Amino acid sequence: MAGRRTTNAPADIADAADAPGDPEEEAERGPLRRCIVTRERQAKELMLRFVLSPERAVVPDLGERLPGRGMWLSAKADVIERAVTRGAFAKASRGVAHVPPDLRARIEDGLRGRVRDLVGFARRAGQAVSGWQAAREWLQAGRVGLVVQAADGSPAERARLVGLRQVPVVAPMGAAELGALFGRDRAVHVAVAPGRLAERIAAEAARLAGVAAAGLETGGAPPRAAHGDPAAGGTPAG
C-alpha cells in the first residue's frame, strides 16, 4: 500500500505476548506499562501509547484516550525506529499493522503541540510568567516548580537565572515559539508555579526530548554559573 509501511511480525522480536496468561493480555491498569520493543516496564507518563484504527493503521494516542488495546513504546527516537523496522506493532497486535512513514514526525509534532497548550494554559491560569525579571522574582519568592527556557537561549544566562536552586529546567521550543504564547516576539525565560500543570509540562517536555533526540534539553539542575561567566552579557533577554 503506497505511502505507508505494512509490517508483519518477524522472528527476531521476543514473543512474550504469545505465552498464556501474559500480562499484555490484561486490561491496561496500574502506573506501569511494558514497551513492546525493549520489554521494559516504565511509568506510563514516560511512554507513548498507540492503537490501531479500524483500517489497522498505527495511530499515536498521546493523550491516552483512544479506544482499543494499547501498544506502548518508550519515548525514544531509536525505540520508535526499531518498532517500525522490526515489525513490533504487527507482533503486538498479532496481525497486519500499517505504519505511517512519518510516524516519528507525527509524534514529535503532537508532543510539541501538547507542551505549547500546557504552557499557554498555565499562562492563562496565572501560573506562568515570562521574562528575566518576572521569572527571577518568582524564583526568589520560592514560587517556581519548573523553569521553561528557550532552546536557543544562552546556557550561561540560564545558569545566572536559576543559580544553585534545585528547580527542574526544560527547553522544549525556541524563543519565538515560546514568546508567541505570551504575546511577545520572543521569550527566553518562563517560570511556572508548582503543581499539576508544572508536572505535566515537565513530563511532556521529557517525552518530546526523547522523541526529537536532538537539540532539545530536559532535566533537573541546569548548567551552573561556575561553568560560565555569571557577570557576562549585559541585560538578560526576556
Protein backbone atom coordinates (compact mmCIF):
# COMPACT_ATOMS: atom_id res chain seq x y z
CA MET A 1 0.00 0.00 0.00
CA ALA A 2 1.58 3.27 -1.13
CA GLY A 3 2.58 5.91 1.38
CA ARG A 4 2.80 3.68 4.44
CA ARG A 5 4.66 0.63 5.59
CA THR A 6 2.82 -2.62 6.23
CA THR A 7 4.56 -4.89 8.69
CA ASN A 8 4.14 -8.43 9.84
CA ALA A 9 5.94 -9.68 12.91
CA PRO A 10 9.46 -11.08 12.25
CA ALA A 11 11.02 -13.80 14.37
CA ASP A 12 13.64 -11.52 15.98
CA ILE A 13 11.11 -9.80 18.29
CA ALA A 14 10.73 -11.51 21.64
CA ASP A 15 7.38 -13.27 21.63
CA ALA A 16 6.43 -12.96 25.27
CA ALA A 17 2.91 -11.97 24.24
CA ASP A 18 2.27 -15.47 22.90
CA ALA A 19 2.61 -17.07 26.30
CA PRO A 20 -0.66 -17.97 28.09
CA GLY A 21 -1.60 -15.54 30.81
CA ASP A 22 0.84 -12.91 29.59
CA PRO A 23 0.21 -9.53 31.24
CA GLU A 24 -0.06 -7.93 27.79
CA GLU A 25 -3.47 -9.61 27.55
CA GLU A 26 -4.67 -7.95 30.74
CA ALA A 27 -6.57 -4.68 30.78
CA GLU A 28 -4.37 -1.59 30.91
CA ARG A 29 -4.20 -0.67 34.55
CA GLY A 30 -1.74 0.45 37.17
CA PRO A 31 1.07 3.01 36.81
CA LEU A 32 3.44 0.91 34.66
CA ARG A 33 3.39 -0.21 31.03
CA ARG A 34 5.66 -2.59 29.11
CA CYS A 35 7.48 -1.37 26.00
CA ILE A 36 6.76 -3.70 23.06
CA VAL A 37 10.35 -3.28 21.83
CA THR A 38 12.58 -3.26 24.92
CA ARG A 39 10.14 -5.24 27.13
CA GLU A 40 10.98 -2.90 29.99
CA ARG A 41 8.27 -1.58 32.29
CA GLN A 42 8.13 2.15 32.92
CA ALA A 43 5.74 4.74 34.26
CA LYS A 44 3.17 5.35 31.55
CA GLU A 45 3.77 9.12 31.74
CA LEU A 46 7.22 8.47 30.25
CA MET A 47 5.93 6.30 27.41
CA LEU A 48 3.91 6.55 24.20
CA ARG A 49 0.63 4.76 23.56
CA PHE A 50 -0.51 3.56 20.14
CA VAL A 51 -3.70 1.95 18.90
CA LEU A 52 -4.86 0.53 15.58
CA SER A 53 -7.54 2.28 13.57
CA PRO A 54 -10.37 0.21 12.04
CA GLU A 55 -8.19 0.11 8.89
CA ARG A 56 -5.31 -1.24 11.05
CA ALA A 57 -3.24 1.92 10.74
CA VAL A 58 -0.93 2.68 13.67
CA VAL A 59 -2.19 5.82 15.45
CA PRO A 60 -0.27 7.64 18.22
CA ASP A 61 -2.54 8.19 21.22
CA LEU A 62 -0.56 10.84 23.07
CA GLY A 63 -3.48 11.73 25.34
CA GLU A 64 -4.17 8.06 26.13
CA ARG A 65 -7.87 8.45 25.36
CA LEU A 66 -8.49 6.45 22.18
CA PRO A 67 -10.37 3.15 22.45
CA GLY A 68 -8.68 -0.12 21.71
CA ARG A 69 -5.87 -2.21 23.10
CA GLY A 70 -2.85 -0.01 23.65
CA MET A 71 0.65 -0.73 22.43
CA TRP A 72 3.33 1.11 24.37
CA LEU A 73 6.80 2.33 23.47
CA SER A 74 9.49 4.09 25.43
CA ALA A 75 9.57 7.73 24.34
CA LYS A 76 12.86 7.48 22.48
CA ALA A 77 13.63 8.04 18.82
CA ASP A 78 15.67 4.86 18.47
CA VAL A 79 12.94 2.74 20.06
CA ILE A 80 10.37 4.12 17.62
CA GLU A 81 12.68 3.31 14.71
CA ARG A 82 13.22 -0.23 15.98
CA ALA A 83 9.48 -0.71 16.38
CA VAL A 84 8.96 0.27 12.74
CA THR A 85 11.83 -1.69 11.20
CA ARG A 86 11.29 -4.84 13.27
CA GLY A 87 7.54 -5.04 12.91
CA ALA A 88 6.81 -4.63 16.62
CA PHE A 89 3.34 -3.18 16.03
CA ALA A 90 2.30 -6.18 13.95
CA LYS A 91 3.74 -8.52 16.54
CA ALA A 92 1.91 -6.81 19.40
CA SER A 93 -1.38 -6.67 17.52
CA ARG A 94 -0.96 -10.15 16.03
CA GLY A 95 -1.76 -9.05 12.53
CA VAL A 96 -1.08 -6.52 9.83
CA ALA A 97 -0.18 -3.02 11.04
CA HIS A 98 0.13 -0.11 8.62
CA VAL A 99 2.81 2.26 9.87
CA PRO A 100 2.85 5.84 8.51
CA PRO A 101 6.27 6.66 7.02
CA ASP A 102 6.37 9.89 9.05
CA LEU A 103 5.36 8.30 12.35
CA ARG A 104 8.14 9.87 14.44
CA ALA A 105 7.50 13.31 12.95
CA ARG A 106 3.80 13.00 13.78
CA ILE A 107 4.64 12.08 17.36
CA GLU A 108 7.11 14.95 17.69
CA ASP A 109 4.61 17.46 16.30
CA GLY A 110 1.90 16.15 18.60
CA LEU A 111 4.09 16.35 21.70
CA ARG A 112 5.28 19.84 20.80
CA GLY A 113 1.65 20.91 20.49
CA ARG A 114 0.85 19.43 23.89
CA VAL A 115 3.70 21.36 25.50
CA ARG A 116 2.51 24.58 23.84
CA ASP A 117 -1.05 24.01 25.01
CA LEU A 118 0.01 23.34 28.60
CA VAL A 119 2.31 26.36 28.81
CA GLY A 120 -0.42 28.53 27.30
CA PHE A 121 -2.94 27.19 29.78
CA ALA A 122 -0.53 27.91 32.65
CA ARG A 123 -0.20 31.50 31.44
CA ARG A 124 -3.97 31.97 31.21
CA ALA A 125 -4.43 30.46 34.67
CA GLY A 126 -1.92 32.89 36.16
CA GLN A 127 0.51 30.06 36.86
CA ALA A 128 3.29 31.17 34.50
CA VAL A 129 5.21 34.38 33.83
CA SER A 130 7.76 35.23 31.16
CA GLY A 131 10.77 37.49 31.16
CA TRP A 132 14.01 37.58 33.14
CA GLN A 133 12.82 39.91 35.89
CA ALA A 134 9.44 38.29 36.47
CA ALA A 135 10.92 34.78 36.48
CA ARG A 136 13.69 35.87 38.87
CA GLU A 137 11.19 37.42 41.27
CA TRP A 138 9.17 34.20 41.34
CA LEU A 139 12.35 32.18 41.91
CA GLN A 140 13.43 34.41 44.77
CA ALA A 141 9.98 34.08 46.33
CA GLY A 142 10.05 30.28 46.06
CA ARG A 143 7.04 30.27 43.74
CA VAL A 144 8.57 28.19 40.91
CA GLY A 145 8.04 24.49 40.26
CA LEU A 146 9.51 24.49 36.73
CA VAL A 147 11.55 26.78 34.52
CA VAL A 148 10.84 26.64 30.80
CA GLN A 149 13.73 28.02 28.78
CA ALA A 150 14.05 28.74 25.08
CA ALA A 151 16.11 26.01 23.42
CA ASP A 152 18.05 28.66 21.53
CA GLY A 153 18.74 30.75 24.64
CA SER A 154 22.09 31.22 26.34
CA PRO A 155 23.15 28.43 28.77
CA ALA A 156 25.19 30.95 30.77
CA GLU A 157 22.18 33.26 31.09
CA ARG A 158 20.06 30.32 32.14
CA ALA A 159 22.56 29.44 34.85
CA ARG A 160 22.55 33.03 36.10
CA LEU A 161 18.78 32.98 36.39
CA VAL A 162 18.41 29.70 38.25
CA GLY A 163 21.69 29.79 40.19
CA LEU A 164 22.02 26.99 42.73
CA ARG A 165 18.28 26.46 43.16
CA GLN A 166 17.16 22.89 42.63
CA VAL A 167 14.44 23.68 40.12
CA PRO A 168 13.71 21.47 37.09
CA VAL A 169 14.53 23.11 33.76
CA VAL A 170 13.22 22.14 30.32
CA ALA A 171 13.85 23.68 26.91
CA PRO A 172 11.22 22.29 24.55
CA MET A 173 10.98 25.09 21.96
CA GLY A 174 12.66 28.16 20.56
CA ALA A 175 12.33 31.74 21.82
CA ALA A 176 9.95 32.82 19.04
CA GLU A 177 7.58 29.90 19.64
CA LEU A 178 7.71 30.40 23.40
CA GLY A 179 7.20 34.15 23.06
CA ALA A 180 4.08 33.68 20.92
CA LEU A 181 2.40 32.01 23.90
CA PHE A 182 2.87 35.23 25.89
CA GLY A 183 2.05 37.69 23.12
CA ARG A 184 5.70 38.59 22.63
CA ASP A 185 8.16 38.34 19.74
CA ARG A 186 10.49 36.25 21.89
CA ALA A 187 10.59 34.74 25.35
CA VAL A 188 13.67 33.05 26.76
CA HIS A 189 12.70 32.57 30.42
CA VAL A 190 9.36 31.29 31.72
CA ALA A 191 8.63 30.40 35.33
CA VAL A 192 5.77 28.02 36.14
CA ALA A 193 4.20 27.70 39.57
CA PRO A 194 4.42 24.36 41.41
CA GLY A 195 1.56 21.99 40.83
CA ARG A 196 -0.02 19.63 38.35
CA LEU A 197 0.50 21.89 35.35
CA ALA A 198 4.24 22.18 36.01
CA GLU A 199 4.46 18.41 36.39
CA ARG A 200 2.60 17.80 33.13
CA ILE A 201 4.74 20.29 31.20
CA ALA A 202 7.88 18.62 32.52
CA ALA A 203 6.60 15.16 31.58
CA GLU A 204 5.57 16.18 28.06
CA ALA A 205 8.87 18.02 27.53
CA ALA A 206 10.75 14.89 28.60
CA ARG A 207 8.82 12.77 26.09
CA LEU A 208 9.43 15.36 23.38
CA ALA A 209 13.16 15.47 24.11
CA GLY A 210 13.40 11.69 23.84
CA VAL A 211 11.49 11.53 20.57
CA ALA A 212 13.24 14.51 18.97
CA ALA A 213 16.63 13.11 20.07
CA ALA A 214 18.46 16.29 19.01
CA GLY A 215 18.69 19.88 20.09
CA LEU A 216 16.25 19.65 22.97
CA GLU A 217 17.07 19.62 26.65
CA THR A 218 15.25 18.38 29.69
CA GLY A 219 16.26 17.61 33.19
CA GLY A 220 16.83 18.87 36.68
CA ALA A 221 19.69 21.15 37.57
CA PRO A 222 20.80 23.45 34.74
CA PRO A 223 24.43 24.30 33.99
CA ARG A 224 25.97 26.09 36.94
CA ALA A 225 27.28 29.63 36.81
CA ALA A 226 30.69 28.28 37.68
CA HIS A 227 30.88 26.85 34.17
CA GLY A 228 30.19 30.23 32.61
CA ASP A 229 30.72 33.86 33.46
CA PRO A 230 27.95 34.96 35.84
CA ALA A 231 28.70 38.57 35.10
CA ALA A 232 28.80 38.29 31.34
CA GLY A 233 26.27 39.54 28.89
CA GLY A 234 24.77 42.88 29.97
CA THR A 235 20.96 42.96 30.15
CA PRO A 236 19.45 39.45 30.02
CA ALA A 237 16.95 38.66 27.30
CA GLY A 238 13.34 38.03 28.24
